[in-house]
Amino acid sequence: MNVTNKRTSCLPWVIIPFGCLAVVVISCSGLLFFTTAGVMQFIKSSEPYQHSLLLVKNNEKVKQKLGEPINSAFLVTGSVHTEGTAGDADLTYSVSGPTGKANVNVRATRSDSRWKYLSVRVNFANEAGDFLELAERSNTPVEGTDKQ
């Protein structure tokens, strides 16, 4: 009588599904990361973002409150829509310097390839209600450089 003791293992039935699940999760995470990075790059290269950041970095009152250099954060929320020569933008992003932080809110419209800034508001984080409106310095429409 030939008796073999075959031991069956559950290990392959555990490793294979969890391995496949790990591959799917890592792939989805990578896709989400690269999609988010692409959207951030698109928004950060837009005229409303670039122009508002230039206004913020060149404003003496902002420099006094935040210090220099002034840097922007990675994350930008909001939207930039363009269709032909028209469009609109509504953005919010953070900036910081050695001595403080602030949020920047931008609202702009585009007509005939020219952006008009309705609001470029810097809300300082150190004091409630402490803000600075920069759009009045840029009421003159700015030539659009977006190639959308």
N, C-alpha and C. Protein backbone atom coordinates (compact mmCIF):
# COMPACT_ATOMS: atom_id res chain seq x y z
N MET A 1 0.82 -1.15 0.00
CA MET A 1 0.00 0.00 0.00
C MET A 1 0.88 1.24 0.00
N ASN A 2 0.70 2.06 -0.98
CA ASN A 2 1.51 3.25 -1.16
C ASN A 2 0.69 4.46 -0.72
N VAL A 3 1.06 5.01 0.38
CA VAL A 3 0.34 6.16 0.91
C VAL A 3 1.30 7.35 0.87
N THR A 4 0.87 8.35 0.18
CA THR A 4 1.67 9.58 0.14
C THR A 4 0.92 10.66 0.90
N ASN A 5 1.64 11.35 1.63
CA ASN A 5 1.04 12.41 2.42
C ASN A 5 1.15 13.72 1.63
N LYS A 6 0.12 14.03 0.91
CA LYS A 6 0.10 15.28 0.14
C LYS A 6 -0.50 16.38 1.00
N ARG A 7 0.30 17.35 1.18
CA ARG A 7 -0.17 18.47 1.97
C ARG A 7 -0.60 19.58 1.01
N THR A 8 -1.83 19.94 1.09
CA THR A 8 -2.31 21.01 0.22
C THR A 8 -2.14 22.33 0.96
N SER A 9 -1.76 23.33 0.22
CA SER A 9 -1.49 24.63 0.81
C SER A 9 -2.46 25.66 0.27
N CYS A 10 -2.90 26.51 1.15
CA CYS A 10 -3.79 27.61 0.76
C CYS A 10 -2.99 28.82 0.31
N LEU A 11 -1.70 28.77 0.51
CA LEU A 11 -0.87 29.92 0.23
C LEU A 11 -1.02 30.46 -1.20
N PRO A 12 -0.98 29.63 -2.25
CA PRO A 12 -1.15 30.18 -3.61
C PRO A 12 -2.51 30.86 -3.80
N TRP A 13 -3.53 30.36 -3.12
CA TRP A 13 -4.86 30.94 -3.27
C TRP A 13 -4.98 32.27 -2.53
N VAL A 14 -4.06 32.54 -1.66
CA VAL A 14 -4.04 33.82 -0.97
C VAL A 14 -3.13 34.81 -1.71
N ILE A 15 -1.98 34.34 -2.13
CA ILE A 15 -0.99 35.22 -2.76
C ILE A 15 -1.47 35.72 -4.12
N ILE A 16 -2.02 34.86 -4.93
CA ILE A 16 -2.41 35.25 -6.29
C ILE A 16 -3.47 36.35 -6.29
N PRO A 17 -4.60 36.23 -5.56
CA PRO A 17 -5.59 37.32 -5.59
C PRO A 17 -5.05 38.63 -5.00
N PHE A 18 -4.32 38.54 -3.89
CA PHE A 18 -3.79 39.75 -3.29
C PHE A 18 -2.69 40.37 -4.15
N GLY A 19 -1.92 39.57 -4.83
CA GLY A 19 -0.92 40.08 -5.76
C GLY A 19 -1.56 40.83 -6.91
N CYS A 20 -2.62 40.24 -7.46
CA CYS A 20 -3.35 40.91 -8.55
C CYS A 20 -3.99 42.21 -8.06
N LEU A 21 -4.56 42.16 -6.87
CA LEU A 21 -5.17 43.36 -6.29
C LEU A 21 -4.12 44.45 -6.09
N ALA A 22 -2.94 44.09 -5.63
CA ALA A 22 -1.87 45.06 -5.42
C ALA A 22 -1.46 45.71 -6.74
N VAL A 23 -1.37 44.93 -7.81
CA VAL A 23 -1.01 45.47 -9.13
C VAL A 23 -2.07 46.47 -9.59
N VAL A 24 -3.35 46.15 -9.39
CA VAL A 24 -4.44 47.04 -9.80
C VAL A 24 -4.39 48.33 -8.98
N VAL A 25 -4.21 48.23 -7.68
CA VAL A 25 -4.16 49.41 -6.82
C VAL A 25 -2.98 50.30 -7.18
N ILE A 26 -1.82 49.72 -7.39
CA ILE A 26 -0.64 50.51 -7.75
C ILE A 26 -0.83 51.17 -9.11
N SER A 27 -1.42 50.46 -10.05
CA SER A 27 -1.66 51.04 -11.38
C SER A 27 -2.64 52.20 -11.31
N CYS A 28 -3.73 52.03 -10.56
CA CYS A 28 -4.72 53.11 -10.42
C CYS A 28 -4.12 54.31 -9.70
N SER A 29 -3.30 54.06 -8.69
CA SER A 29 -2.64 55.16 -7.98
C SER A 29 -1.71 55.93 -8.91
N GLY A 30 -0.95 55.23 -9.72
CA GLY A 30 -0.06 55.88 -10.68
C GLY A 30 -0.83 56.69 -11.70
N LEU A 31 -1.91 56.14 -12.20
CA LEU A 31 -2.74 56.86 -13.17
C LEU A 31 -3.32 58.12 -12.54
N LEU A 32 -3.81 58.03 -11.31
CA LEU A 32 -4.37 59.19 -10.62
C LEU A 32 -3.29 60.25 -10.40
N PHE A 33 -2.10 59.82 -9.99
CA PHE A 33 -1.01 60.77 -9.76
C PHE A 33 -0.64 61.50 -11.04
N PHE A 34 -0.44 60.78 -12.13
CA PHE A 34 -0.03 61.41 -13.38
C PHE A 34 -1.13 62.28 -13.98
N THR A 35 -2.39 61.90 -13.79
CA THR A 35 -3.50 62.73 -14.26
C THR A 35 -3.54 64.04 -13.48
N THR A 36 -3.42 63.94 -12.15
CA THR A 36 -3.42 65.14 -11.31
C THR A 36 -2.24 66.04 -11.65
N ALA A 37 -1.07 65.46 -11.82
CA ALA A 37 0.12 66.25 -12.16
C ALA A 37 -0.07 66.95 -13.51
N GLY A 38 -0.69 66.27 -14.47
CA GLY A 38 -0.94 66.87 -15.78
C GLY A 38 -1.90 68.04 -15.70
N VAL A 39 -2.96 67.88 -14.92
CA VAL A 39 -3.94 68.97 -14.74
C VAL A 39 -3.28 70.15 -14.05
N MET A 40 -2.48 69.88 -13.01
CA MET A 40 -1.78 70.96 -12.30
C MET A 40 -0.84 71.70 -13.25
N GLN A 41 -0.14 70.97 -14.09
CA GLN A 41 0.77 71.60 -15.05
C GLN A 41 0.01 72.47 -16.04
N PHE A 42 -1.16 71.99 -16.50
CA PHE A 42 -1.98 72.77 -17.43
C PHE A 42 -2.44 74.07 -16.77
N ILE A 43 -2.93 73.98 -15.55
CA ILE A 43 -3.43 75.18 -14.86
C ILE A 43 -2.28 76.14 -14.56
N LYS A 44 -1.15 75.60 -14.10
CA LYS A 44 -0.03 76.46 -13.75
C LYS A 44 0.61 77.13 -14.96
N SER A 45 0.41 76.59 -16.13
CA SER A 45 0.95 77.24 -17.33
C SER A 45 -0.05 78.22 -17.94
N SER A 46 -1.25 78.33 -17.37
CA SER A 46 -2.26 79.24 -17.92
C SER A 46 -1.90 80.69 -17.60
N GLU A 47 -2.37 81.59 -18.44
CA GLU A 47 -2.12 83.02 -18.26
C GLU A 47 -2.67 83.55 -16.93
N PRO A 48 -3.90 83.19 -16.52
CA PRO A 48 -4.40 83.71 -15.24
C PRO A 48 -3.53 83.32 -14.05
N TYR A 49 -3.04 82.09 -14.01
CA TYR A 49 -2.17 81.67 -12.91
C TYR A 49 -0.85 82.42 -12.97
N GLN A 50 -0.21 82.42 -14.14
CA GLN A 50 1.09 83.06 -14.29
C GLN A 50 1.03 84.56 -13.97
N HIS A 51 0.00 85.23 -14.49
CA HIS A 51 -0.11 86.67 -14.28
C HIS A 51 -0.39 86.99 -12.82
N SER A 52 -1.29 86.24 -12.19
CA SER A 52 -1.61 86.50 -10.79
C SER A 52 -0.40 86.23 -9.89
N LEU A 53 0.36 85.18 -10.17
CA LEU A 53 1.54 84.89 -9.38
C LEU A 53 2.58 86.00 -9.53
N LEU A 54 2.71 86.54 -10.73
CA LEU A 54 3.62 87.66 -10.96
C LEU A 54 3.18 88.89 -10.16
N LEU A 55 1.86 89.16 -10.14
CA LEU A 55 1.35 90.28 -9.35
C LEU A 55 1.67 90.09 -7.87
N VAL A 56 1.46 88.87 -7.37
CA VAL A 56 1.71 88.56 -5.97
C VAL A 56 3.19 88.74 -5.64
N LYS A 57 4.06 88.16 -6.45
CA LYS A 57 5.50 88.20 -6.17
C LYS A 57 6.09 89.60 -6.28
N ASN A 58 5.47 90.48 -7.07
CA ASN A 58 6.01 91.83 -7.27
C ASN A 58 5.35 92.88 -6.39
N ASN A 59 4.38 92.50 -5.57
CA ASN A 59 3.69 93.47 -4.73
C ASN A 59 4.48 93.69 -3.44
N GLU A 60 4.77 94.96 -3.13
CA GLU A 60 5.58 95.30 -1.96
C GLU A 60 4.91 94.91 -0.64
N LYS A 61 3.59 95.08 -0.54
CA LYS A 61 2.89 94.72 0.70
C LYS A 61 2.93 93.22 0.94
N VAL A 62 2.80 92.45 -0.13
CA VAL A 62 2.87 90.99 0.00
C VAL A 62 4.28 90.58 0.42
N LYS A 63 5.28 91.20 -0.17
CA LYS A 63 6.68 90.91 0.18
C LYS A 63 6.94 91.21 1.66
N GLN A 64 6.37 92.31 2.17
CA GLN A 64 6.55 92.68 3.57
C GLN A 64 5.93 91.64 4.50
N LYS A 65 4.75 91.15 4.15
CA LYS A 65 4.04 90.21 5.02
C LYS A 65 4.59 88.79 4.94
N LEU A 66 4.98 88.35 3.74
CA LEU A 66 5.42 86.97 3.57
C LEU A 66 6.94 86.81 3.56
N GLY A 67 7.66 87.86 3.26
CA GLY A 67 9.09 87.76 3.10
C GLY A 67 9.43 87.26 1.70
N GLU A 68 10.71 87.20 1.41
CA GLU A 68 11.15 86.72 0.09
C GLU A 68 12.14 85.59 0.26
N PRO A 69 12.15 84.63 -0.60
CA PRO A 69 11.36 84.48 -1.82
C PRO A 69 9.94 83.99 -1.51
N ILE A 70 9.03 84.32 -2.42
CA ILE A 70 7.65 83.86 -2.32
C ILE A 70 7.50 82.68 -3.27
N ASN A 71 7.02 81.56 -2.74
CA ASN A 71 6.85 80.34 -3.53
C ASN A 71 5.39 79.91 -3.54
N SER A 72 4.97 79.30 -4.62
CA SER A 72 3.61 78.79 -4.70
C SER A 72 3.61 77.30 -4.38
N ALA A 73 2.49 76.83 -3.84
CA ALA A 73 2.33 75.41 -3.50
C ALA A 73 2.04 74.61 -4.77
N PHE A 74 2.16 73.29 -4.67
CA PHE A 74 1.90 72.42 -5.82
C PHE A 74 0.43 72.44 -6.22
N LEU A 75 -0.45 72.40 -5.23
CA LEU A 75 -1.87 72.23 -5.51
C LEU A 75 -2.55 73.55 -5.90
N VAL A 76 -3.29 73.51 -6.99
CA VAL A 76 -4.12 74.62 -7.44
C VAL A 76 -5.52 74.06 -7.62
N THR A 77 -6.50 74.73 -7.04
CA THR A 77 -7.88 74.28 -7.23
C THR A 77 -8.61 75.30 -8.10
N GLY A 78 -9.65 74.84 -8.74
CA GLY A 78 -10.44 75.72 -9.59
C GLY A 78 -10.41 75.25 -11.03
N SER A 79 -10.64 76.19 -11.93
CA SER A 79 -10.73 75.81 -13.34
C SER A 79 -10.31 76.96 -14.24
N VAL A 80 -9.87 76.58 -15.43
CA VAL A 80 -9.58 77.51 -16.51
C VAL A 80 -10.28 76.96 -17.74
N HIS A 81 -11.22 77.71 -18.28
CA HIS A 81 -11.94 77.29 -19.49
C HIS A 81 -11.63 78.27 -20.60
N THR A 82 -11.28 77.75 -21.75
CA THR A 82 -11.10 78.60 -22.93
C THR A 82 -11.77 77.92 -24.12
N GLU A 83 -12.36 78.74 -24.93
CA GLU A 83 -12.97 78.26 -26.18
C GLU A 83 -12.74 79.34 -27.22
N GLY A 84 -11.83 79.04 -28.13
CA GLY A 84 -11.46 80.05 -29.12
C GLY A 84 -10.76 81.20 -28.44
N THR A 85 -11.30 82.41 -28.59
CA THR A 85 -10.70 83.59 -27.99
C THR A 85 -11.38 84.01 -26.70
N ALA A 86 -12.35 83.23 -26.22
CA ALA A 86 -13.08 83.55 -25.00
C ALA A 86 -12.75 82.55 -23.90
N GLY A 87 -13.10 82.91 -22.68
CA GLY A 87 -12.88 81.97 -21.60
C GLY A 87 -13.08 82.60 -20.24
N ASP A 88 -12.85 81.81 -19.21
CA ASP A 88 -12.93 82.29 -17.84
C ASP A 88 -12.03 81.44 -16.95
N ALA A 89 -11.67 82.00 -15.83
CA ALA A 89 -10.82 81.30 -14.87
C ALA A 89 -11.28 81.62 -13.46
N ASP A 90 -11.24 80.61 -12.61
CA ASP A 90 -11.55 80.76 -11.19
C ASP A 90 -10.58 79.85 -10.45
N LEU A 91 -9.53 80.42 -9.87
CA LEU A 91 -8.45 79.63 -9.28
C LEU A 91 -8.21 80.01 -7.82
N THR A 92 -7.72 79.05 -7.07
CA THR A 92 -7.25 79.29 -5.71
C THR A 92 -5.97 78.50 -5.50
N TYR A 93 -4.96 79.16 -4.98
CA TYR A 93 -3.70 78.49 -4.68
C TYR A 93 -3.04 79.18 -3.48
N SER A 94 -2.08 78.51 -2.89
CA SER A 94 -1.38 79.02 -1.73
C SER A 94 0.01 79.51 -2.12
N VAL A 95 0.44 80.54 -1.42
CA VAL A 95 1.81 81.02 -1.55
C VAL A 95 2.39 81.15 -0.14
N SER A 96 3.70 81.07 -0.07
CA SER A 96 4.35 81.22 1.23
C SER A 96 5.71 81.84 1.07
N GLY A 97 6.15 82.46 2.14
CA GLY A 97 7.48 83.04 2.23
C GLY A 97 8.07 82.68 3.58
N PRO A 98 9.24 83.17 3.87
CA PRO A 98 9.89 82.84 5.14
C PRO A 98 9.12 83.29 6.38
N THR A 99 8.27 84.33 6.24
CA THR A 99 7.59 84.86 7.42
C THR A 99 6.08 84.74 7.38
N GLY A 100 5.51 84.06 6.40
CA GLY A 100 4.06 83.93 6.38
C GLY A 100 3.53 83.14 5.20
N LYS A 101 2.21 82.92 5.24
CA LYS A 101 1.50 82.18 4.20
C LYS A 101 0.25 82.96 3.80
N ALA A 102 -0.23 82.67 2.59
CA ALA A 102 -1.44 83.32 2.11
C ALA A 102 -2.10 82.44 1.05
N ASN A 103 -3.39 82.64 0.86
CA ASN A 103 -4.13 82.02 -0.24
C ASN A 103 -4.43 83.09 -1.27
N VAL A 104 -4.34 82.72 -2.53
CA VAL A 104 -4.62 83.65 -3.62
C VAL A 104 -5.85 83.15 -4.37
N ASN A 105 -6.85 84.02 -4.52
CA ASN A 105 -8.06 83.72 -5.28
C ASN A 105 -8.06 84.58 -6.53
N VAL A 106 -8.24 83.94 -7.68
CA VAL A 106 -8.20 84.65 -8.97
C VAL A 106 -9.50 84.41 -9.72
N ARG A 107 -10.10 85.49 -10.19
CA ARG A 107 -11.25 85.39 -11.09
C ARG A 107 -10.96 86.26 -12.30
N ALA A 108 -11.09 85.66 -13.48
CA ALA A 108 -10.77 86.40 -14.70
C ALA A 108 -11.68 85.94 -15.84
N THR A 109 -11.86 86.82 -16.80
CA THR A 109 -12.61 86.47 -18.02
C THR A 109 -11.72 86.78 -19.22
N ARG A 110 -11.99 86.07 -20.29
CA ARG A 110 -11.20 86.25 -21.51
C ARG A 110 -12.14 86.58 -22.66
N SER A 111 -11.79 87.63 -23.40
CA SER A 111 -12.55 88.04 -24.56
C SER A 111 -11.57 88.55 -25.60
N ASP A 112 -11.73 88.12 -26.85
CA ASP A 112 -10.81 88.51 -27.92
C ASP A 112 -9.35 88.24 -27.54
N SER A 113 -9.10 87.08 -26.95
CA SER A 113 -7.77 86.63 -26.54
C SER A 113 -7.11 87.50 -25.48
N ARG A 114 -7.89 88.32 -24.79
CA ARG A 114 -7.37 89.18 -23.74
C ARG A 114 -8.02 88.81 -22.41
N TRP A 115 -7.19 88.61 -21.40
CA TRP A 115 -7.68 88.30 -20.06
C TRP A 115 -7.95 89.60 -19.31
N LYS A 116 -9.09 89.67 -18.64
CA LYS A 116 -9.41 90.78 -17.75
C LYS A 116 -9.56 90.18 -16.36
N TYR A 117 -8.83 90.74 -15.40
CA TYR A 117 -8.82 90.20 -14.04
C TYR A 117 -9.86 90.90 -13.19
N LEU A 118 -10.89 90.16 -12.82
CA LEU A 118 -11.95 90.71 -12.00
C LEU A 118 -11.51 90.78 -10.54
N SER A 119 -10.72 89.82 -10.12
CA SER A 119 -10.23 89.78 -8.75
C SER A 119 -8.95 88.96 -8.66
N VAL A 120 -7.96 89.52 -8.01
CA VAL A 120 -6.75 88.79 -7.61
C VAL A 120 -6.58 89.15 -6.13
N ARG A 121 -7.11 88.29 -5.29
CA ARG A 121 -7.19 88.59 -3.85
C ARG A 121 -6.22 87.71 -3.07
N VAL A 122 -5.40 88.35 -2.25
CA VAL A 122 -4.44 87.65 -1.40
C VAL A 122 -4.99 87.67 0.02
N ASN A 123 -5.32 86.50 0.56
CA ASN A 123 -5.83 86.36 1.92
C ASN A 123 -4.70 85.85 2.80
N PHE A 124 -4.23 86.70 3.70
CA PHE A 124 -3.10 86.34 4.56
C PHE A 124 -3.56 85.42 5.68
N ALA A 125 -2.76 84.40 5.95
CA ALA A 125 -3.14 83.36 6.91
C ALA A 125 -2.96 83.80 8.36
N ASN A 126 -2.16 84.82 8.60
CA ASN A 126 -1.84 85.17 9.98
C ASN A 126 -2.96 85.91 10.70
N GLU A 127 -3.82 86.61 9.98
CA GLU A 127 -4.88 87.39 10.61
C GLU A 127 -6.19 87.19 9.86
N ALA A 128 -7.26 86.96 10.61
CA ALA A 128 -8.59 86.80 9.99
C ALA A 128 -9.01 88.14 9.37
N GLY A 129 -9.49 88.07 8.16
CA GLY A 129 -9.96 89.26 7.47
C GLY A 129 -8.86 90.12 6.88
N ASP A 130 -7.62 89.69 6.97
CA ASP A 130 -6.50 90.44 6.43
C ASP A 130 -6.28 90.01 4.98
N PHE A 131 -6.60 90.91 4.04
CA PHE A 131 -6.45 90.57 2.63
C PHE A 131 -6.00 91.79 1.84
N LEU A 132 -5.59 91.54 0.62
CA LEU A 132 -5.13 92.58 -0.29
C LEU A 132 -5.67 92.26 -1.67
N GLU A 133 -6.32 93.22 -2.30
CA GLU A 133 -6.86 93.05 -3.65
C GLU A 133 -5.88 93.64 -4.65
N LEU A 134 -5.41 92.82 -5.59
CA LEU A 134 -4.41 93.26 -6.56
C LEU A 134 -4.99 93.50 -7.96
N ALA A 135 -6.24 93.16 -8.19
CA ALA A 135 -6.80 93.25 -9.55
C ALA A 135 -6.91 94.68 -10.03
N GLU A 136 -7.09 95.64 -9.14
CA GLU A 136 -7.24 97.02 -9.59
C GLU A 136 -6.00 97.53 -10.32
N ARG A 137 -4.85 96.94 -10.02
CA ARG A 137 -3.62 97.31 -10.72
C ARG A 137 -3.56 96.66 -12.11
N SER A 138 -4.43 95.66 -12.34
CA SER A 138 -4.36 94.96 -13.62
C SER A 138 -5.69 95.01 -14.36
N ASN A 139 -6.42 96.13 -14.21
CA ASN A 139 -7.71 96.25 -14.88
C ASN A 139 -7.56 96.32 -16.39
N THR A 140 -6.42 96.75 -16.86
CA THR A 140 -6.18 96.77 -18.28
C THR A 140 -6.07 95.33 -18.77
N PRO A 141 -6.84 94.96 -19.77
CA PRO A 141 -6.74 93.59 -20.26
C PRO A 141 -5.32 93.25 -20.69
N VAL A 142 -4.95 92.00 -20.45
CA VAL A 142 -3.61 91.53 -20.76
C VAL A 142 -3.70 90.60 -21.96
N GLU A 143 -2.76 90.76 -22.88
CA GLU A 143 -2.74 89.87 -24.06
C GLU A 143 -2.67 88.43 -23.62
N GLY A 144 -3.54 87.59 -24.16
CA GLY A 144 -3.53 86.18 -23.82
C GLY A 144 -2.38 85.45 -24.51
N THR A 145 -1.78 84.52 -23.78
CA THR A 145 -0.72 83.71 -24.37
C THR A 145 -1.11 82.25 -24.43
N ASP A 146 -2.33 81.92 -23.95
CA ASP A 146 -2.77 80.53 -23.98
C ASP A 146 -2.97 80.08 -25.42
N LYS A 147 -2.57 78.89 -25.70
CA LYS A 147 -2.71 78.33 -27.05
C LYS A 147 -3.76 77.23 -27.09
N GLN A 148 -4.77 77.31 -26.19
CA GLN A 148 -5.79 76.25 -26.17
C GLN A 148 -6.74 76.36 -27.33
